[in-house]
Protein backbone atom coordinates (compact mmCIF):
# COMPACT_ATOMS: atom_id res chain seq x y z
CA MET A 1 6.39 8.24 -6.14
CA ALA A 2 10.17 7.96 -6.82
CA ASP A 3 11.60 9.47 -9.90
CA LYS A 4 12.83 7.24 -12.75
CA LEU A 5 15.17 4.49 -11.76
CA LEU A 6 17.49 2.05 -13.87
CA TYR A 7 18.27 -1.27 -12.25
CA GLY A 8 20.66 -2.63 -14.94
CA ILE A 9 20.70 -4.85 -18.05
CA GLN A 10 17.57 -7.04 -17.86
CA GLN A 11 18.27 -8.89 -20.98
CA VAL A 12 19.55 -8.96 -24.44
CA GLY A 13 17.37 -9.93 -27.27
CA ILE A 14 18.74 -12.56 -29.54
CA GLY A 15 17.23 -13.64 -32.84
CA VAL A 16 17.38 -17.35 -33.65
CA THR A 17 16.13 -19.78 -36.24
CA ASP A 18 15.25 -22.75 -33.89
CA ILE A 19 13.94 -21.79 -30.45
CA VAL A 20 14.16 -25.19 -29.00
CA GLU A 21 17.72 -25.75 -30.04
CA ALA A 22 18.61 -22.16 -28.90
CA GLU A 23 17.01 -22.86 -25.47
CA LYS A 24 18.94 -26.11 -25.08
CA TRP A 25 22.20 -24.57 -26.14
CA TYR A 26 22.03 -21.50 -23.77
CA ALA A 27 20.73 -23.53 -20.79
CA GLY A 28 23.61 -26.05 -21.42
CA ALA A 29 26.53 -24.08 -22.67
CA LEU A 30 26.09 -20.86 -20.61
CA LEU A 31 24.27 -22.41 -17.68
CA ALA A 32 21.28 -20.10 -18.18
CA ASN A 33 18.82 -22.83 -17.16
CA ILE A 34 16.23 -20.84 -15.49
CA LYS A 35 13.23 -19.97 -17.61
CA VAL A 36 11.55 -16.79 -16.56
CA LEU A 37 8.87 -16.82 -19.22
CA GLU A 38 7.65 -18.31 -22.53
CA ASP A 39 5.41 -16.65 -25.07
CA HIS A 40 3.87 -17.58 -28.35
CA HIS A 41 1.52 -14.60 -28.99
CA PRO A 42 2.08 -12.65 -32.26
CA ALA A 43 4.32 -9.60 -32.03
CA THR A 44 2.17 -6.67 -32.75
CA HIS A 45 3.84 -3.60 -31.43
CA MET A 46 7.11 -4.30 -33.27
CA ALA A 47 5.45 -4.15 -36.74
CA PRO A 48 7.44 -0.98 -37.92
CA TYR A 49 10.59 -2.98 -37.62
CA MET A 50 9.18 -6.15 -39.22
CA GLY A 51 7.94 -4.99 -42.64
CA GLY A 52 5.06 -3.08 -41.31
CA LYS A 53 2.85 -5.87 -39.98
CA PRO A 54 2.48 -8.16 -36.89
CA ARG A 55 4.54 -11.45 -36.96
CA ASN A 56 4.03 -14.74 -35.46
CA LYS A 57 6.84 -15.75 -33.03
CA SER A 58 8.06 -17.82 -30.15
CA ALA A 59 10.17 -16.41 -27.25
CA VAL A 60 11.68 -17.43 -24.04
CA ILE A 61 13.72 -15.65 -21.48
CA LEU A 62 16.41 -17.56 -19.70
CA ILE A 63 18.61 -16.28 -16.76
CA ASN A 64 21.63 -17.62 -14.92
CA LYS A 65 21.55 -18.38 -11.11
CA ASN A 66 24.75 -16.29 -10.64
CA GLY A 67 23.13 -13.13 -11.81
CA GLY A 68 23.44 -10.72 -14.72
CA GLY A 69 20.94 -9.95 -17.48
CA GLY A 70 18.90 -12.70 -19.25
CA PHE A 71 18.88 -13.90 -22.73
CA GLU A 72 15.67 -13.29 -24.76
CA LEU A 73 15.61 -15.78 -27.31
CA TRP A 74 13.17 -14.86 -30.23
CA GLN A 75 12.25 -16.73 -33.28
CA HIS A 76 10.02 -15.91 -36.26
CA THR A 77 7.49 -18.77 -36.83
CA GLU A 78 5.80 -17.47 -40.04
CA HIS A 79 8.54 -15.09 -41.72
CA GLN A 80 11.51 -17.07 -42.93
CA PRO A 81 14.38 -15.52 -40.80
CA GLN A 82 17.13 -13.92 -42.96
CA ASN A 83 20.69 -14.56 -41.91
CA LEU A 84 23.49 -11.92 -42.34
CA GLU A 85 25.10 -12.28 -45.73
CA LYS A 86 28.51 -12.03 -44.11
CA PRO A 87 29.93 -12.02 -40.57
CA ILE A 88 29.76 -9.09 -38.43
CA GLN A 89 32.91 -6.87 -38.61
CA ARG A 90 34.15 -5.20 -35.50
CA GLY A 91 32.37 -1.79 -35.44
CA ASP A 92 29.45 -2.62 -37.59
CA LEU A 93 26.46 -0.62 -36.55
CA GLY A 94 24.52 -2.48 -33.91
CA ILE A 95 25.21 -5.03 -31.12
CA ASN A 96 28.52 -6.82 -31.99
CA TYR A 97 28.86 -9.10 -29.01
CA ILE A 98 27.67 -9.66 -25.55
CA THR A 99 29.88 -10.15 -22.48
CA LEU A 100 29.51 -12.54 -19.50
CA LEU A 101 31.74 -13.01 -16.48
CA SER A 102 33.36 -16.12 -14.90
CA GLY A 103 34.71 -16.72 -11.55
CA ASN A 104 36.62 -19.68 -12.96
CA LEU A 105 37.50 -19.25 -16.48
CA LYS A 106 39.71 -22.55 -16.53
CA GLY A 107 36.66 -24.42 -15.25
CA PHE A 108 34.23 -22.83 -17.72
CA THR A 109 36.61 -23.72 -20.69
CA SER A 110 36.68 -27.43 -19.41
CA HIS A 111 32.82 -27.23 -19.42
CA LEU A 112 32.84 -26.03 -22.99
CA GLU A 113 35.31 -28.70 -24.01
CA GLN A 114 33.14 -31.38 -22.56
CA LEU A 115 30.30 -30.16 -24.72
CA LYS A 116 32.58 -29.97 -27.70
CA ILE A 117 32.14 -26.25 -27.97
CA GLU A 118 34.95 -24.40 -29.57
CA HIS A 119 36.44 -21.26 -27.95
CA SER A 120 38.95 -18.70 -28.87
CA ALA A 121 41.46 -16.93 -26.47
CA ILE A 122 41.38 -13.18 -26.53
CA SER A 123 43.72 -12.83 -23.58
CA GLN A 124 44.65 -14.80 -20.48
CA THR A 125 41.43 -13.68 -18.89
CA GLU A 126 39.00 -13.59 -21.76
CA ILE A 127 37.78 -16.00 -24.32
CA SER A 128 35.08 -15.84 -27.07
CA ILE A 129 32.61 -18.41 -28.40
CA ILE A 130 29.95 -18.45 -31.14
CA ASP A 131 26.47 -19.76 -30.61
CA PRO A 132 24.75 -22.05 -33.14
CA PHE A 133 23.26 -18.83 -34.86
CA GLN A 134 26.59 -17.02 -35.34
CA ASN A 135 26.20 -14.87 -32.38
CA THR A 136 29.52 -13.89 -30.62
CA ILE A 137 29.82 -14.28 -26.87
CA HIS A 138 32.78 -13.06 -24.78
CA ILE A 139 33.43 -14.45 -21.26
CA LYS A 140 35.86 -12.49 -19.04
CA GLU A 141 37.37 -13.83 -15.77
CA SER A 142 36.45 -11.84 -12.64
CA THR A 143 38.18 -12.07 -9.26
CA LEU A 144 34.93 -10.67 -7.63
CA LEU A 145 33.06 -14.01 -8.32
CA ASP A 146 33.26 -17.23 -6.46
CA SER A 147 35.06 -19.90 -8.29
CA SER A 148 31.82 -21.98 -8.29
CA ALA A 149 30.37 -19.32 -10.60
CA LEU A 150 31.56 -20.67 -13.95
CA THR A 151 29.57 -18.05 -15.77
CA THR A 152 27.01 -15.39 -15.22
CA GLY A 153 24.25 -13.85 -17.32
CA VAL A 154 24.84 -10.71 -19.49
CA LYS A 155 27.17 -8.20 -17.87
CA GLY A 156 27.72 -6.01 -20.86
CA CYS A 157 27.90 -5.67 -24.58
CA SER A 158 29.64 -4.04 -27.38
CA ILE A 159 27.94 -1.64 -29.81
CA GLY A 160 29.11 -0.35 -33.07
CA VAL A 161 28.61 3.27 -33.68
CA SER A 162 29.30 5.90 -36.41
CA ASP A 163 30.20 8.72 -34.18
CA LEU A 164 31.69 8.22 -30.69
CA GLU A 165 30.98 11.61 -29.48
CA SER A 166 27.17 11.64 -29.95
CA SER A 167 26.98 7.93 -28.85
CA LEU A 168 28.77 8.72 -25.65
CA ILE A 169 26.30 11.46 -24.81
CA PHE A 170 23.45 9.18 -25.78
CA TYR A 171 24.51 6.22 -23.46
CA GLN A 172 25.38 8.64 -20.49
CA HIS A 173 21.67 9.41 -20.27
CA PHE A 174 21.28 5.74 -18.86
CA GLY A 175 23.78 6.34 -16.03
CA TYR A 176 26.81 5.25 -17.81
CA SER A 177 30.22 6.98 -17.36
CA LEU A 178 33.42 6.83 -19.63
CA THR A 179 36.09 4.65 -17.77
CA GLY A 180 38.38 3.68 -20.56
CA GLN A 181 39.39 4.28 -24.23
CA SER A 182 41.58 2.23 -26.60
CA GLU A 183 42.63 2.36 -30.17
CA THR A 184 43.63 -0.13 -32.81
CA ASP A 185 44.60 0.26 -36.53
CA LEU A 186 40.92 -0.14 -37.43
CA THR A 187 38.85 1.17 -34.50
CA ILE A 188 38.53 3.54 -31.53
CA GLU A 189 36.78 2.11 -28.67
CA CYS A 190 35.36 3.47 -25.38
CA THR A 191 34.34 1.62 -22.38
CA LEU A 192 31.39 2.73 -20.24
CA SER A 193 30.49 1.56 -16.83
CA SER A 194 27.11 1.62 -15.12
CA THR A 195 28.00 4.15 -12.36
CA ILE A 196 24.53 5.34 -11.55
CA LYS A 197 21.98 2.48 -11.06
CA SER A 198 19.72 1.36 -8.18
CA ASN A 199 20.08 -1.92 -6.33
CA GLY A 200 16.34 -2.11 -5.49
CA ARG A 201 14.17 -4.84 -7.01
CA PHE A 202 16.39 -7.01 -9.14
CA GLY A 203 19.09 -4.51 -9.39
CA ALA A 204 21.46 -6.44 -7.18
CA PHE A 205 20.80 -9.54 -9.38
CA PHE A 206 21.67 -7.72 -12.58
CA GLY A 207 24.66 -6.12 -10.99
CA HIS A 208 27.46 -3.92 -12.48
CA ASN A 209 27.78 -3.79 -16.20
CA GLU A 210 29.77 -2.17 -19.02
CA ILE A 211 29.08 -1.22 -22.72
CA VAL A 212 31.95 -0.91 -25.17
CA LEU A 213 31.32 1.53 -28.06
CA ILE A 214 33.32 0.82 -31.23
CA GLN A 215 33.83 3.23 -34.03
CA ARG A 216 35.53 2.15 -37.34
CA LYS A 217 38.32 4.48 -38.53
CA ASP A 218 37.36 3.82 -42.15
CA ARG A 219 33.81 4.75 -41.67
CA ASN A 220 32.75 1.75 -43.65
CA ALA A 221 30.57 0.19 -40.87
CA ARG A 222 27.30 -1.35 -42.19
CA LYS A 223 23.98 -1.62 -40.31
CA ILE A 224 23.70 -5.06 -38.96
CA PHE A 225 19.89 -5.23 -39.50
CA GLU A 226 19.77 -3.31 -42.72
CA ASN A 227 17.24 -4.84 -45.08
CA ARG A 228 16.42 -7.47 -42.40
CA TYR A 229 13.53 -7.67 -39.79
CA TRP A 230 13.73 -7.25 -35.95
CA GLY A 231 13.91 -10.81 -34.75
CA ASP A 232 16.06 -12.10 -37.56
CA PRO A 233 19.28 -13.69 -36.41
CA GLY A 234 21.60 -11.44 -34.41
CA PHE A 235 21.41 -9.41 -31.20
CA ILE A 236 18.14 -7.48 -31.70
CA HIS A 237 18.00 -5.16 -28.52
CA LEU A 238 19.53 -4.15 -25.36
CA CYS A 239 16.98 -4.10 -22.60
CA PHE A 240 17.26 -2.14 -19.45
CA ASP A 241 14.93 -2.82 -16.29
CA VAL A 242 13.52 0.40 -15.06
CA PHE A 243 11.12 2.09 -12.71
CA ASN A 244 8.64 4.79 -13.76
CA LEU A 245 8.72 4.21 -17.52
CA LYS A 246 6.36 7.26 -18.00
CA SER A 247 9.06 9.53 -16.60
CA TRP A 248 11.79 7.87 -18.96
CA VAL A 249 9.51 8.45 -21.97
CA LYS A 250 9.09 12.23 -20.93
CA TYR A 251 12.95 12.45 -20.26
CA PHE A 252 13.71 11.17 -23.75
CA SER A 253 11.06 12.97 -25.67
CA GLU A 254 13.55 15.66 -26.87
CA ILE A 255 16.56 13.36 -27.04
CA SER A 256 15.45 10.33 -28.83
CA PRO A 257 11.70 9.82 -28.70
CA PHE A 258 10.39 6.37 -28.13
CA THR A 259 9.26 4.74 -31.34
CA ILE A 260 7.31 1.94 -29.65
CA LEU A 261 5.29 1.81 -26.48
CA SER A 262 3.25 -1.04 -25.22
CA ASP A 263 -0.10 -0.73 -23.26
CA GLU A 264 0.65 0.04 -19.49
CA ASN A 265 -0.09 -3.48 -18.35
CA PHE A 266 1.12 -5.63 -21.30
CA ARG A 267 1.10 -9.36 -20.98
CA MET A 268 4.03 -11.55 -22.26
CA GLY A 269 3.51 -15.13 -21.42
CA ASP A 270 2.44 -15.12 -17.76
CA ALA A 271 4.33 -11.90 -16.94
CA TYR A 272 2.98 -8.36 -17.12
CA GLY A 273 4.78 -5.06 -17.53
CA TYR A 274 5.01 -1.85 -19.40
CA TRP A 275 7.84 -1.46 -22.07
CA GLY A 276 8.98 0.63 -25.04
CA TYR A 277 11.80 0.97 -27.43
CA LEU A 278 13.97 3.84 -28.63
CA GLU A 279 16.95 4.08 -30.98
CA ASP A 280 20.43 5.21 -30.30
CA PRO A 281 22.07 7.58 -32.90
CA ASP A 282 22.64 4.74 -35.26
CA GLY A 283 19.27 2.99 -34.94
CA THR A 284 20.43 0.31 -32.48
CA LEU A 285 17.29 -0.68 -30.49
CA ILE A 286 17.13 -0.01 -26.72
CA GLU A 287 14.24 -1.35 -24.75
CA MET A 288 13.17 -0.25 -21.37
CA VAL A 289 11.02 -2.52 -19.31
CA GLU A 290 9.00 -1.65 -16.11
CA THR A 291 8.18 -5.07 -14.59
CA HIS A 292 4.95 -5.41 -12.81
CA ARG A 293 4.37 -9.02 -12.26
CA ILE A 294 6.39 -12.28 -12.61
CA PRO A 295 4.93 -15.69 -11.89
CA ILE A 296 7.22 -18.02 -9.96
CA PHE A 297 4.87 -21.03 -9.56
CA LYS A 298 1.62 -20.09 -11.31
CA ASN A 299 -0.23 -23.10 -10.16
CA LEU A 300 0.74 -22.45 -6.52
CA GLY A 301 -0.27 -18.70 -6.79
CA ILE A 302 3.27 -17.70 -6.07
CA ILE A 303 3.87 -14.43 -7.94
CA ILE A 304 6.33 -11.61 -7.64
CA ASN A 305 3.96 -8.51 -7.79
CA LEU A 306 6.14 -5.37 -7.94
CA LYS A 307 3.50 -2.76 -8.92
CA ASN A 308 2.68 -1.49 -5.54
CA LYS A 309 6.02 -2.17 -3.91
CA SER A 310 8.91 0.40 -3.10
CA PRO A 311 11.20 0.71 -6.17
CA HIS A 312 14.08 1.00 -3.71
CA LYS A 313 13.33 -2.41 -1.99
CA LYS A 314 15.20 -5.62 -3.06
CA VAL A 315 13.34 -8.69 -4.19
CA PRO A 316 13.45 -11.21 -1.33
CA LYS A 317 16.24 -13.69 -1.72
CA TRP A 318 14.06 -16.61 -1.19
CA LEU A 319 11.99 -15.64 -4.39
CA VAL A 320 15.20 -15.38 -6.47
CA GLN A 321 16.14 -18.72 -5.08
CA ALA A 322 12.73 -20.18 -5.89
CA MET A 323 13.22 -19.15 -9.58
CA ARG A 324 15.95 -21.73 -9.84
CA LEU A 325 13.28 -24.42 -9.87
CA LYS A 326 11.88 -23.11 -13.21
CA LYS A 327 14.28 -25.22 -15.45
CA ALA A 328 14.85 -24.60 -19.05
CA ARG A 329 15.16 -27.47 -21.69
CA HIS A 330 18.69 -28.58 -21.92
């Protein structure tokens, strides 16, 4: 058996207050119109982050045909979701925003304007938008993408931290290397790139990604999920797709032990896998998922079964193409 592998960002969890509205918005605005799974079972394992007991929920995972990580939209259906009392300030502790790429930023802004979605220019090659639940999304133009690719899935995120040095060490354990540093009057920021990752399985589809760590100079950063539950509105976790989760658990046992670990063949919707959570130095939740089985067309018996396949072998292109037929609501 191969040692532990990391394939890339599988998805980012996004707490919402209306799963139907969220699915339509992400499918329409961000063109993430492929639904990988849908699940309405109670969330049991995450009880320690939800007031100490299981909670009813609805969740879907959407992906974009142009690659990148997915969007796990997650709604409490019993607990009344608690919004942030005030907007996130750059460098607050937790995930501040996610980043997508575009091969045609002008075309994507036209697409947004047709949908009457406002956008703000960050630079000539980057814009930001806000979803209906006050989550910030950045879209950066990339010359490596075809102009037909108006946008991708998740290609990175920014994370507020209290101490850059300890956070840099932590994220380097996931195969990231420091590739840039900048400073403003308020923050010091470091860019990390995924320099060590496998292109096996869905690795090529997820692709290269970056994480920006942000530390406030005034040290007045607040925890984004302080006094709120996991699943309340906001970016609730960063999820990596991995192989050999047991080895990852052992590896992190003396660095940042896993706080949550599922059964080894856990079912979510019609998909199966093995997953767990650990915390970065400021408590931001990092999920790692070892995917075992994904249904493409359940009724036809077309299923991606990865459990007994080589972890270095790419998923066949025709299977990825077939997933495009699993349309989300939009």
